[in-house]
Amino acid sequence: MTQALKDIVNHSLEELKAVEIQIIDLKGKADFADYMVIAGGTSDRHLHAMAGKVQDDAKAAGFPVLGVEGEDSRDWVLVDLGDIVVHLMRPETRQLYALDKLWSLPPKREE
């Protein structure tokens, strides 16, 4: 089920020419989702178009959209699909927060 949703998100973003799509496996690193998808957009309109496409395609396939954050933002929109959280960012915002680097690190071991 998660694989199907991952494929839908990836296809939606590719279709709208998202920049540098990265899918990060969060299993063992976070409790809020299994995967994080990070993709870049060239403008605020591009970010919002991608967010809308992801939501529409997920709903059409029967997956719930739990929430959207940043609908008024020009730099960062988040789409919560439950098992997958999608971050859509302008390049300068993506570079500033570096979520791809932060979440790609191996999980800390408890001692």
PDB file of N, CA and C in Angstrom:
ATOM      1  N   MET A   1       0.824  -1.189   0.000  1.00  0.00           N
ATOM      2  CA  MET A   1       0.000   0.000   0.000  1.00  0.00           C
ATOM      3  C   MET A   1       0.870   1.256   0.000  1.00  0.00           C
ATOM      4  N   THR A   2       1.885   1.275   0.862  1.00  0.00           N
ATOM      5  CA  THR A   2       2.776   2.428   0.894  1.00  0.00           C
ATOM      6  C   THR A   2       3.555   2.548  -0.410  1.00  0.00           C
ATOM      7  N   GLN A   3       3.934   1.411  -0.993  1.00  0.00           N
ATOM      8  CA  GLN A   3       4.664   1.446  -2.264  1.00  0.00           C
ATOM      9  C   GLN A   3       3.802   2.072  -3.358  1.00  0.00           C
ATOM     10  N   ALA A   4       2.527   1.718  -3.387  1.00  0.00           N
ATOM     11  CA  ALA A   4       1.622   2.295  -4.392  1.00  0.00           C
ATOM     12  C   ALA A   4       1.513   3.805  -4.211  1.00  0.00           C
ATOM     13  N   LEU A   5       1.407   4.261  -2.978  1.00  0.00           N
ATOM     14  CA  LEU A   5       1.315   5.697  -2.712  1.00  0.00           C
ATOM     15  C   LEU A   5       2.623   6.394  -3.079  1.00  0.00           C
ATOM     16  N   LYS A   6       3.745   5.753  -2.773  1.00  0.00           N
ATOM     17  CA  LYS A   6       5.052   6.314  -3.152  1.00  0.00           C
ATOM     18  C   LYS A   6       5.138   6.494  -4.661  1.00  0.00           C
ATOM     19  N   ASP A   7       4.679   5.492  -5.398  1.00  0.00           N
ATOM     20  CA  ASP A   7       4.694   5.561  -6.863  1.00  0.00           C
ATOM     21  C   ASP A   7       3.808   6.688  -7.378  1.00  0.00           C
ATOM     22  N   ILE A   8       2.643   6.855  -6.762  1.00  0.00           N
ATOM     23  CA  ILE A   8       1.717   7.924  -7.164  1.00  0.00           C
ATOM     24  C   ILE A   8       2.358   9.289  -6.931  1.00  0.00           C
ATOM     25  N   VAL A   9       2.936   9.481  -5.762  1.00  0.00           N
ATOM     26  CA  VAL A   9       3.567  10.762  -5.431  1.00  0.00           C
ATOM     27  C   VAL A   9       4.709  11.049  -6.400  1.00  0.00           C
ATOM     28  N   ASN A  10       5.563  10.068  -6.615  1.00  0.00           N
ATOM     29  CA  ASN A  10       6.706  10.245  -7.505  1.00  0.00           C
ATOM     30  C   ASN A  10       6.246  10.587  -8.922  1.00  0.00           C
ATOM     31  N   HIS A  11       5.255   9.861  -9.418  1.00  0.00           N
ATOM     32  CA  HIS A  11       4.735  10.111 -10.766  1.00  0.00           C
ATOM     33  C   HIS A  11       4.120  11.509 -10.865  1.00  0.00           C
ATOM     34  N   SER A  12       3.361  11.902  -9.867  1.00  0.00           N
ATOM     35  CA  SER A  12       2.737  13.231  -9.856  1.00  0.00           C
ATOM     36  C   SER A  12       3.789  14.328  -9.926  1.00  0.00           C
ATOM     37  N   LEU A  13       4.835  14.164  -9.140  1.00  0.00           N
ATOM     38  CA  LEU A  13       5.891  15.175  -9.106  1.00  0.00           C
ATOM     39  C   LEU A  13       6.699  15.194 -10.402  1.00  0.00           C
ATOM     40  N   GLU A  14       6.993  14.014 -10.936  1.00  0.00           N
ATOM     41  CA  GLU A  14       7.713  13.954 -12.211  1.00  0.00           C
ATOM     42  C   GLU A  14       6.902  14.590 -13.331  1.00  0.00           C
ATOM     43  N   GLU A  15       5.598  14.349 -13.311  1.00  0.00           N
ATOM     44  CA  GLU A  15       4.718  14.880 -14.345  1.00  0.00           C
ATOM     45  C   GLU A  15       4.733  16.412 -14.370  1.00  0.00           C
ATOM     46  N   LEU A  16       4.880  17.018 -13.196  1.00  0.00           N
ATOM     47  CA  LEU A  16       4.908  18.483 -13.123  1.00  0.00           C
ATOM     48  C   LEU A  16       6.336  19.033 -13.030  1.00  0.00           C
ATOM     49  N   LYS A  17       7.297  18.196 -13.405  1.00  0.00           N
ATOM     50  CA  LYS A  17       8.701  18.626 -13.509  1.00  0.00           C
ATOM     51  C   LYS A  17       9.299  19.132 -12.193  1.00  0.00           C
ATOM     52  N   ALA A  18       9.040  18.396 -11.127  1.00  0.00           N
ATOM     53  CA  ALA A  18       9.660  18.722  -9.836  1.00  0.00           C
ATOM     54  C   ALA A  18      11.176  18.599  -9.960  1.00  0.00           C
ATOM     55  N   VAL A  19      11.878  19.389  -9.187  1.00  0.00           N
ATOM     56  CA  VAL A  19      13.336  19.415  -9.215  1.00  0.00           C
ATOM     57  C   VAL A  19      13.883  18.543  -8.088  1.00  0.00           C
ATOM     58  N   GLU A  20      14.814  17.660  -8.425  1.00  0.00           N
ATOM     59  CA  GLU A  20      15.516  16.828  -7.441  1.00  0.00           C
ATOM     60  C   GLU A  20      14.584  16.130  -6.457  1.00  0.00           C
ATOM     61  N   ILE A  21      13.795  15.213  -6.946  1.00  0.00           N
ATOM     62  CA  ILE A  21      12.905  14.434  -6.081  1.00  0.00           C
ATOM     63  C   ILE A  21      13.760  13.462  -5.270  1.00  0.00           C
ATOM     64  N   GLN A  22      13.568  13.481  -3.969  1.00  0.00           N
ATOM     65  CA  GLN A  22      14.285  12.555  -3.094  1.00  0.00           C
ATOM     66  C   GLN A  22      13.283  11.874  -2.173  1.00  0.00           C
ATOM     67  N   ILE A  23      13.370  10.546  -2.113  1.00  0.00           N
ATOM     68  CA  ILE A  23      12.507   9.763  -1.226  1.00  0.00           C
ATOM     69  C   ILE A  23      13.388   9.192  -0.120  1.00  0.00           C
ATOM     70  N   ILE A  24      13.048   9.529   1.117  1.00  0.00           N
ATOM     71  CA  ILE A  24      13.855   9.119   2.267  1.00  0.00           C
ATOM     72  C   ILE A  24      13.059   8.139   3.121  1.00  0.00           C
ATOM     73  N   ASP A  25      13.653   6.995   3.397  1.00  0.00           N
ATOM     74  CA  ASP A  25      13.044   5.977   4.250  1.00  0.00           C
ATOM     75  C   ASP A  25      13.205   6.416   5.708  1.00  0.00           C
ATOM     76  N   LEU A  26      12.097   6.610   6.396  1.00  0.00           N
ATOM     77  CA  LEU A  26      12.123   7.065   7.791  1.00  0.00           C
ATOM     78  C   LEU A  26      11.935   5.939   8.798  1.00  0.00           C
ATOM     79  N   LYS A  27      11.727   4.720   8.309  1.00  0.00           N
ATOM     80  CA  LYS A  27      11.498   3.617   9.237  1.00  0.00           C
ATOM     81  C   LYS A  27      12.696   3.464  10.171  1.00  0.00           C
ATOM     82  N   GLY A  28      12.426   3.443  11.468  1.00  0.00           N
ATOM     83  CA  GLY A  28      13.482   3.361  12.465  1.00  0.00           C
ATOM     84  C   GLY A  28      14.068   4.710  12.843  1.00  0.00           C
ATOM     85  N   LYS A  29      13.664   5.770  12.121  1.00  0.00           N
ATOM     86  CA  LYS A  29      14.172   7.116  12.406  1.00  0.00           C
ATOM     87  C   LYS A  29      13.091   8.033  12.961  1.00  0.00           C
ATOM     88  N   ALA A  30      11.831   7.786  12.580  1.00  0.00           N
ATOM     89  CA  ALA A  30      10.736   8.685  12.979  1.00  0.00           C
ATOM     90  C   ALA A  30       9.449   7.894  13.128  1.00  0.00           C
ATOM     91  N   ASP A  31       8.557   8.399  13.975  1.00  0.00           N
ATOM     92  CA  ASP A  31       7.265   7.748  14.200  1.00  0.00           C
ATOM     93  C   ASP A  31       6.146   8.353  13.361  1.00  0.00           C
ATOM     94  N   PHE A  32       6.347   9.537  12.823  1.00  0.00           N
ATOM     95  CA  PHE A  32       5.255  10.253  12.162  1.00  0.00           C
ATOM     96  C   PHE A  32       4.967   9.790  10.738  1.00  0.00           C
ATOM     97  N   ALA A  33       5.909   9.086  10.093  1.00  0.00           N
ATOM     98  CA  ALA A  33       5.694   8.612   8.722  1.00  0.00           C
ATOM     99  C   ALA A  33       6.717   7.535   8.397  1.00  0.00           C
ATOM    100  N   ASP A  34       6.427   6.754   7.358  1.00  0.00           N
ATOM    101  CA  ASP A  34       7.379   5.753   6.881  1.00  0.00           C
ATOM    102  C   ASP A  34       8.362   6.347   5.881  1.00  0.00           C
ATOM    103  N   TYR A  35       7.879   7.333   5.108  1.00  0.00           N
ATOM    104  CA  TYR A  35       8.717   7.949   4.082  1.00  0.00           C
ATOM    105  C   TYR A  35       8.518   9.457   4.056  1.00  0.00           C
ATOM    106  N   MET A  36       9.571  10.145   3.665  1.00  0.00           N
ATOM    107  CA  MET A  36       9.508  11.577   3.421  1.00  0.00           C
ATOM    108  C   MET A  36       9.938  11.792   1.971  1.00  0.00           C
ATOM    109  N   VAL A  37       9.153  12.570   1.255  1.00  0.00           N
ATOM    110  CA  VAL A  37       9.513  12.930  -0.110  1.00  0.00           C
ATOM    111  C   VAL A  37       9.821  14.420  -0.100  1.00  0.00           C
ATOM    112  N   ILE A  38      10.972  14.773  -0.646  1.00  0.00           N
ATOM    113  CA  ILE A  38      11.367  16.172  -0.744  1.00  0.00           C
ATOM    114  C   ILE A  38      11.574  16.476  -2.220  1.00  0.00           C
ATOM    115  N   ALA A  39      10.973  17.570  -2.674  1.00  0.00           N
ATOM    116  CA  ALA A  39      11.127  17.967  -4.072  1.00  0.00           C
ATOM    117  C   ALA A  39      11.162  19.478  -4.166  1.00  0.00           C
ATOM    118  N   GLY A  40      11.841  19.961  -5.182  1.00  0.00           N
ATOM    119  CA  GLY A  40      11.966  21.393  -5.378  1.00  0.00           C
ATOM    120  C   GLY A  40      11.011  21.908  -6.435  1.00  0.00           C
ATOM    121  N   GLY A  41      10.684  23.182  -6.274  1.00  0.00           N
ATOM    122  CA  GLY A  41       9.856  23.875  -7.246  1.00  0.00           C
ATOM    123  C   GLY A  41      10.524  25.169  -7.651  1.00  0.00           C
ATOM    124  N   THR A  42      10.196  25.656  -8.830  1.00  0.00           N
ATOM    125  CA  THR A  42      10.857  26.839  -9.369  1.00  0.00           C
ATOM    126  C   THR A  42      10.195  28.148  -8.948  1.00  0.00           C
ATOM    127  N   SER A  43       8.980  28.074  -8.438  1.00  0.00           N
ATOM    128  CA  SER A  43       8.250  29.274  -8.010  1.00  0.00           C
ATOM    129  C   SER A  43       7.167  28.856  -7.026  1.00  0.00           C
ATOM    130  N   ASP A  44       6.523  29.836  -6.391  1.00  0.00           N
ATOM    131  CA  ASP A  44       5.440  29.488  -5.473  1.00  0.00           C
ATOM    132  C   ASP A  44       4.276  28.857  -6.232  1.00  0.00           C
ATOM    133  N   ARG A  45       4.015  29.297  -7.448  1.00  0.00           N
ATOM    134  CA  ARG A  45       2.947  28.682  -8.258  1.00  0.00           C
ATOM    135  C   ARG A  45       3.260  27.219  -8.555  1.00  0.00           C
ATOM    136  N   HIS A  46       4.535  26.947  -8.841  1.00  0.00           N
ATOM    137  CA  HIS A  46       4.959  25.577  -9.116  1.00  0.00           C
ATOM    138  C   HIS A  46       4.756  24.701  -7.878  1.00  0.00           C
ATOM    139  N   LEU A  47       5.143  25.209  -6.699  1.00  0.00           N
ATOM    140  CA  LEU A  47       4.956  24.454  -5.453  1.00  0.00           C
ATOM    141  C   LEU A  47       3.488  24.110  -5.238  1.00  0.00           C
ATOM    142  N   HIS A  48       2.622  25.097  -5.407  1.00  0.00           N
ATOM    143  CA  HIS A  48       1.194  24.894  -5.158  1.00  0.00           C
ATOM    144  C   HIS A  48       0.557  23.985  -6.210  1.00  0.00           C
ATOM    145  N   ALA A  49       1.027  24.068  -7.448  1.00  0.00           N
ATOM    146  CA  ALA A  49       0.526  23.166  -8.491  1.00  0.00           C
ATOM    147  C   ALA A  49       0.910  21.722  -8.169  1.00  0.00           C
ATOM    148  N   MET A  50       2.155  21.516  -7.725  1.00  0.00           N
ATOM    149  CA  MET A  50       2.596  20.168  -7.364  1.00  0.00           C
ATOM    150  C   MET A  50       1.814  19.643  -6.166  1.00  0.00           C
ATOM    151  N   ALA A  51       1.605  20.483  -5.160  1.00  0.00           N
ATOM    152  CA  ALA A  51       0.843  20.064  -3.977  1.00  0.00           C
ATOM    153  C   ALA A  51      -0.570  19.657  -4.373  1.00  0.00           C
ATOM    154  N   GLY A  52      -1.201  20.437  -5.236  1.00  0.00           N
ATOM    155  CA  GLY A  52      -2.551  20.115  -5.706  1.00  0.00           C
ATOM    156  C   GLY A  52      -2.590  18.813  -6.476  1.00  0.00           C
ATOM    157  N   LYS A  53      -1.592  18.593  -7.332  1.00  0.00           N
ATOM    158  CA  LYS A  53      -1.525  17.361  -8.139  1.00  0.00           C
ATOM    159  C   LYS A  53      -1.332  16.142  -7.242  1.00  0.00           C
ATOM    160  N   VAL A  54      -0.442  16.250  -6.278  1.00  0.00           N
ATOM    161  CA  VAL A  54      -0.210  15.135  -5.347  1.00  0.00           C
ATOM    162  C   VAL A  54      -1.506  14.801  -4.607  1.00  0.00           C
ATOM    163  N   GLN A  55      -2.193  15.819  -4.108  1.00  0.00           N
ATOM    164  CA  GLN A  55      -3.452  15.598  -3.388  1.00  0.00           C
ATOM    165  C   GLN A  55      -4.504  14.961  -4.292  1.00  0.00           C
ATOM    166  N   ASP A  56      -4.689  15.512  -5.479  1.00  0.00           N
ATOM    167  CA  ASP A  56      -5.703  15.002  -6.406  1.00  0.00           C
ATOM    168  C   ASP A  56      -5.432  13.555  -6.800  1.00  0.00           C
ATOM    169  N   ASP A  57      -4.169  13.252  -7.115  1.00  0.00           N
ATOM    170  CA  ASP A  57      -3.828  11.895  -7.548  1.00  0.00           C
ATOM    171  C   ASP A  57      -3.945  10.891  -6.400  1.00  0.00           C
ATOM    172  N   ALA A  58      -3.554  11.298  -5.198  1.00  0.00           N
ATOM    173  CA  ALA A  58      -3.682  10.405  -4.036  1.00  0.00           C
ATOM    174  C   ALA A  58      -5.154  10.118  -3.752  1.00  0.00           C
ATOM    175  N   LYS A  59      -5.972  11.163  -3.747  1.00  0.00           N
ATOM    176  CA  LYS A  59      -7.411  10.982  -3.502  1.00  0.00           C
ATOM    177  C   LYS A  59      -8.050  10.114  -4.576  1.00  0.00           C
ATOM    178  N   ALA A  60      -7.679  10.325  -5.830  1.00  0.00           N
ATOM    179  CA  ALA A  60      -8.243   9.550  -6.940  1.00  0.00           C
ATOM    180  C   ALA A  60      -7.921   8.063  -6.808  1.00  0.00           C
ATOM    181  N   ALA A  61      -6.790   7.754  -6.170  1.00  0.00           N
ATOM    182  CA  ALA A  61      -6.390   6.360  -5.967  1.00  0.00           C
ATOM    183  C   ALA A  61      -6.929   5.795  -4.654  1.00  0.00           C
ATOM    184  N   GLY A  62      -7.686   6.602  -3.909  1.00  0.00           N
ATOM    185  CA  GLY A  62      -8.299   6.121  -2.675  1.00  0.00           C
ATOM    186  C   GLY A  62      -7.486   6.347  -1.417  1.00  0.00           C
ATOM    187  N   PHE A  63      -6.422   7.131  -1.501  1.00  0.00           N
ATOM    188  CA  PHE A  63      -5.604   7.427  -0.322  1.00  0.00           C
ATOM    189  C   PHE A  63      -6.074   8.740   0.304  1.00  0.00           C
ATOM    190  N   PRO A  64      -6.154   8.795   1.629  1.00  0.00           N
ATOM    191  CA  PRO A  64      -6.597  10.033   2.279  1.00  0.00           C
ATOM    192  C   PRO A  64      -5.478  11.075   2.324  1.00  0.00           C
ATOM    193  N   VAL A  65      -5.867  12.319   2.246  1.00  0.00           N
ATOM    194  CA  VAL A  65      -4.946  13.432   2.474  1.00  0.00           C
ATOM    195  C   VAL A  65      -5.259  13.946   3.874  1.00  0.00           C
ATOM    196  N   LEU A  66      -4.313  13.795   4.793  1.00  0.00           N
ATOM    197  CA  LEU A  66      -4.556  14.145   6.190  1.00  0.00           C
ATOM    198  C   LEU A  66      -4.418  15.634   6.468  1.00  0.00           C
ATOM    199  N   GLY A  67      -3.650  16.316   5.658  1.00  0.00           N
ATOM    200  CA  GLY A  67      -3.495  17.749   5.876  1.00  0.00           C
ATOM    201  C   GLY A  67      -2.519  18.375   4.911  1.00  0.00           C
ATOM    202  N   VAL A  68      -2.615  19.687   4.820  1.00  0.00           N
ATOM    203  CA  VAL A  68      -1.700  20.471   3.994  1.00  0.00           C
ATOM    204  C   VAL A  68      -1.284  21.685   4.816  1.00  0.00           C
ATOM    205  N   GLU A  69      -0.001  21.930   4.874  1.00  0.00           N
ATOM    206  CA  GLU A  69       0.536  23.101   5.582  1.00  0.00           C
ATOM    207  C   GLU A  69       1.245  23.988   4.573  1.00  0.00           C
ATOM    208  N   GLY A  70       1.178  25.278   4.788  1.00  0.00           N
ATOM    209  CA  GLY A  70       1.903  26.212   3.940  1.00  0.00           C
ATOM    210  C   GLY A  70       1.153  26.648   2.702  1.00  0.00           C
ATOM    211  N   GLU A  71      -0.166  26.526   2.729  1.00  0.00           N
ATOM    212  CA  GLU A  71      -0.944  26.916   1.552  1.00  0.00           C
ATOM    213  C   GLU A  71      -0.793  28.403   1.234  1.00  0.00           C
ATOM    214  N   ASP A  72      -0.442  29.209   2.231  1.00  0.00           N
ATOM    215  CA  ASP A  72      -0.214  30.638   2.009  1.00  0.00           C
ATOM    216  C   ASP A  72       1.269  30.961   1.840  1.00  0.00           C
ATOM    217  N   SER A  73       2.107  29.939   1.892  1.00  0.00           N
ATOM    218  CA  SER A  73       3.553  30.143   1.827  1.00  0.00           C
ATOM    219  C   SER A  73       4.036  30.270   0.386  1.00  0.00           C
ATOM    220  N   ARG A  74       5.113  30.975   0.232  1.00  0.00           N
ATOM    221  CA  ARG A  74       5.730  31.114  -1.085  1.00  0.00           C
ATOM    222  C   ARG A  74       6.956  30.218  -1.202  1.00  0.00           C
ATOM    223  N   ASP A  75       7.359  29.567  -0.096  1.00  0.00           N
ATOM    224  CA  ASP A  75       8.624  28.845  -0.073  1.00  0.00           C
ATOM    225  C   ASP A  75       8.539  27.357   0.240  1.00  0.00           C
ATOM    226  N   TRP A  76       7.466  26.923   0.942  1.00  0.00           N
ATOM    227  CA  TRP A  76       7.443  25.548   1.441  1.00  0.00           C
ATOM    228  C   TRP A  76       5.997  25.114   1.632  1.00  0.00           C
ATOM    229  N   VAL A  77       5.639  23.994   1.016  1.00  0.00           N
ATOM    230  CA  VAL A  77       4.311  23.407   1.195  1.00  0.00           C
ATOM    231  C   VAL A  77       4.508  21.955   1.617  1.00  0.00           C
ATOM    232  N   LEU A  78       3.766  21.527   2.627  1.00  0.00           N
ATOM    233  CA  LEU A  78       3.836  20.159   3.122  1.00  0.00           C
ATOM    234  C   LEU A  78       2.488  19.490   2.894  1.00  0.00           C
ATOM    235  N   VAL A  79       2.515  18.279   2.332  1.00  0.00           N
ATOM    236  CA  VAL A  79       1.303  17.488   2.143  1.00  0.00           C
ATOM    237  C   VAL A  79       1.457  16.224   2.981  1.00  0.00           C
ATOM    238  N   ASP A  80       0.547  16.023   3.934  1.00  0.00           N
ATOM    239  CA  ASP A  80       0.583  14.865   4.829  1.00  0.00           C
ATOM    240  C   ASP A  80      -0.347  13.788   4.286  1.00  0.00           C
ATOM    241  N   LEU A  81       0.256  12.680   3.846  1.00  0.00           N
ATOM    242  CA  LEU A  81      -0.509  11.551   3.320  1.00  0.00           C
ATOM    243  C   LEU A  81      -0.481  10.365   4.284  1.00  0.00           C
ATOM    244  N   GLY A  82      -0.203  10.632   5.545  1.00  0.00           N
ATOM    245  CA  GLY A  82      -0.171   9.559   6.542  1.00  0.00           C
ATOM    246  C   GLY A  82       1.176   8.866   6.558  1.00  0.00           C
ATOM    247  N   ASP A  83       1.315   7.804   5.784  1.00  0.00           N
ATOM    248  CA  ASP A  83       2.572   7.060   5.730  1.00  0.00           C
ATOM    249  C   ASP A  83       3.674   7.828   5.009  1.00  0.00           C
ATOM    250  N   ILE A  84       3.283   8.821   4.234  1.00  0.00           N
ATOM    251  CA  ILE A  84       4.241   9.619   3.463  1.00  0.00           C
ATOM    252  C   ILE A  84       3.974  11.103   3.697  1.00  0.00           C
ATOM    253  N   VAL A  85       5.047  11.832   3.991  1.00  0.00           N
ATOM    254  CA  VAL A  85       4.964  13.286   4.126  1.00  0.00           C
ATOM    255  C   VAL A  85       5.751  13.885   2.964  1.00  0.00           C
ATOM    256  N   VAL A  86       5.111  14.793   2.233  1.00  0.00           N
ATOM    257  CA  VAL A  86       5.724  15.391   1.049  1.00  0.00           C
ATOM    258  C   VAL A  86       6.078  16.847   1.352  1.00  0.00           C
ATOM    259  N   HIS A  87       7.352  17.183   1.204  1.00  0.00           N
ATOM    260  CA  HIS A  87       7.833  18.555   1.384  1.00  0.00           C
ATOM    261  C   HIS A  87       8.163  19.121   0.007  1.00  0.00           C
ATOM    262  N   LEU A  88       7.537  20.220  -0.351  1.00  0.00           N
ATOM    263  CA  LEU A  88       7.790  20.890  -1.621  1.00  0.00           C
ATOM    264  C   LEU A  88       8.376  22.257  -1.298  1.00  0.00           C
ATOM    265  N   MET A  89       9.596  22.520  -1.787  1.00  0.00           N
ATOM    266  CA  MET A  89      10.315  23.725  -1.373  1.00  0.00           C
ATOM    267  C   MET A  89      10.972  24.437  -2.546  1.00  0.00           C
ATOM    268  N   ARG A  90      11.105  25.742  -2.385  1.00  0.00           N
ATOM    269  CA  ARG A  90      11.933  26.521  -3.305  1.00  0.00           C
ATOM    270  C   ARG A  90      13.389  26.157  -3.014  1.00  0.00           C
ATOM    271  N   PRO A  91      14.293  26.285  -3.993  1.00  0.00           N
ATOM    272  CA  PRO A  91      15.692  25.863  -3.800  1.00  0.00           C
ATOM    273  C   PRO A  91      16.382  26.503  -2.593  1.00  0.00           C
ATOM    274  N   GLU A  92      16.158  27.804  -2.384  1.00  0.00           N
ATOM    275  CA  GLU A  92      16.841  28.471  -1.265  1.00  0.00           C
ATOM    276  C   GLU A  92      16.323  27.971   0.086  1.00  0.00           C
ATOM    277  N   THR A  93      15.057  27.621   0.166  1.00  0.00           N
ATOM    278  CA  THR A  93      14.485  27.082   1.405  1.00  0.00           C
ATOM    279  C   THR A  93      15.007  25.672   1.650  1.00  0.00           C
ATOM    280  N   ARG A  94      15.069  24.899   0.584  1.00  0.00           N
ATOM    281  CA  ARG A  94      15.581  23.531   0.698  1.00  0.00           C
ATOM    282  C   ARG A  94      17.033  23.534   1.172  1.00  0.00           C
ATOM    283  N   GLN A  95      17.814  24.437   0.631  1.00  0.00           N
ATOM    284  CA  GLN A  95      19.216  24.531   1.026  1.00  0.00           C
ATOM    285  C   GLN A  95      19.350  24.994   2.483  1.00  0.00           C
ATOM    286  N   LEU A  96      18.525  25.941   2.887  1.00  0.00           N
ATOM    287  CA  LEU A  96      18.580  26.476   4.248  1.00  0.00           C
ATOM    288  C   LEU A  96      18.275  25.406   5.300  1.00  0.00           C
ATOM    289  N   TYR A  97      17.206  24.645   5.099  1.00  0.00           N
ATOM    290  CA  TYR A  97      16.785  23.659   6.098  1.00  0.00           C
ATOM    291  C   TYR A  97      17.453  22.303   5.929  1.00  0.00           C
ATOM    292  N   ALA A  98      17.916  21.985   4.737  1.00  0.00           N
ATOM    293  CA  ALA A  98      18.683  20.758   4.462  1.00  0.00           C
ATOM    294  C   ALA A  98      18.037  19.498   5.048  1.00  0.00           C
ATOM    295  N   LEU A  99      16.718  19.371   4.882  1.00  0.00           N
ATOM    296  CA  LEU A  99      16.021  18.191   5.411  1.00  0.00           C
ATOM    297  C   LEU A  99      16.560  16.899   4.811  1.00  0.00           C
ATOM    298  N   ASP A 100      16.951  16.938   3.541  1.00  0.00           N
ATOM    299  CA  ASP A 100      17.477  15.733   2.898  1.00  0.00           C
ATOM    300  C   ASP A 100      18.713  15.234   3.633  1.00  0.00           C
ATOM    301  N   LYS A 101      19.596  16.136   4.013  1.00  0.00           N
ATOM    302  CA  LYS A 101      20.802  15.731   4.741  1.00  0.00           C
ATOM    303  C   LYS A 101      20.462  15.300   6.166  1.00  0.00           C
ATOM    304  N   LEU A 102      19.612  16.062   6.821  1.00  0.00           N
ATOM    305  CA  LEU A 102      19.239  15.771   8.206  1.00  0.00           C
ATOM    306  C   LEU A 102      18.618  14.380   8.343  1.00  0.00           C
ATOM    307  N   TRP A 103      17.655  14.050   7.490  1.00  0.00           N
ATOM    308  CA  TRP A 103      16.935  12.785   7.614  1.00  0.00           C
ATOM    309  C   TRP A 103      17.622  11.617   6.922  1.00  0.00           C
ATOM    310  N   SER A 104      18.666  11.879   6.140  1.00  0.00           N
ATOM    311  CA  SER A 104      19.404  10.789   5.501  1.00  0.00           C
ATOM    312  C   SER A 104      20.456  10.199   6.424  1.00  0.00           C
ATOM    313  N   LEU A 105      20.696  10.874   7.548  1.00  0.00           N
ATOM    314  CA  LEU A 105      21.669  10.361   8.506  1.00  0.00           C
ATOM    315  C   LEU A 105      21.159   9.066   9.135  1.00  0.00           C
ATOM    316  N   PRO A 106      22.071   8.154   9.476  1.00  0.00           N
ATOM    317  CA  PRO A 106      21.619   6.927  10.144  1.00  0.00           C
ATOM    318  C   PRO A 106      21.025   7.246  11.516  1.00  0.00           C
ATOM    319  N   PRO A 107      20.076   6.416  11.982  1.00  0.00           N
ATOM    320  CA  PRO A 107      19.474   6.670  13.296  1.00  0.00           C
ATOM    321  C   PRO A 107      20.509   6.535  14.413  1.00  0.00           C
ATOM    322  N   LYS A 108      20.323   7.317  15.476  1.00  0.00           N
ATOM    323  CA  LYS A 108      21.220   7.220  16.631  1.00  0.00           C
ATOM    324  C   LYS A 108      20.942   5.926  17.379  1.00  0.00           C
ATOM    325  N   ARG A 109      22.007   5.326  17.874  1.00  0.00           N
ATOM    326  CA  ARG A 109      21.850   4.119  18.686  1.00  0.00           C
ATOM    327  C   ARG A 109      21.697   4.519  20.134  1.00  0.00           C
ATOM    328  N   GLU A 110      20.799   3.831  20.817  1.00  0.00           N
ATOM    329  CA  GLU A 110      20.635   4.078  22.255  1.00  0.00           C
ATOM    330  C   GLU A 110      21.694   3.291  23.003  1.00  0.00           C
ATOM    331  N   GLU A 111      22.262   3.925  24.005  1.00  0.00           N
ATOM    332  CA  GLU A 111      23.321   3.239  24.768  1.00  0.00           C
ATOM    333  C   GLU A 111      22.844   2.893  26.141  1.00  0.00           C
TER     334      GLU A 111
END
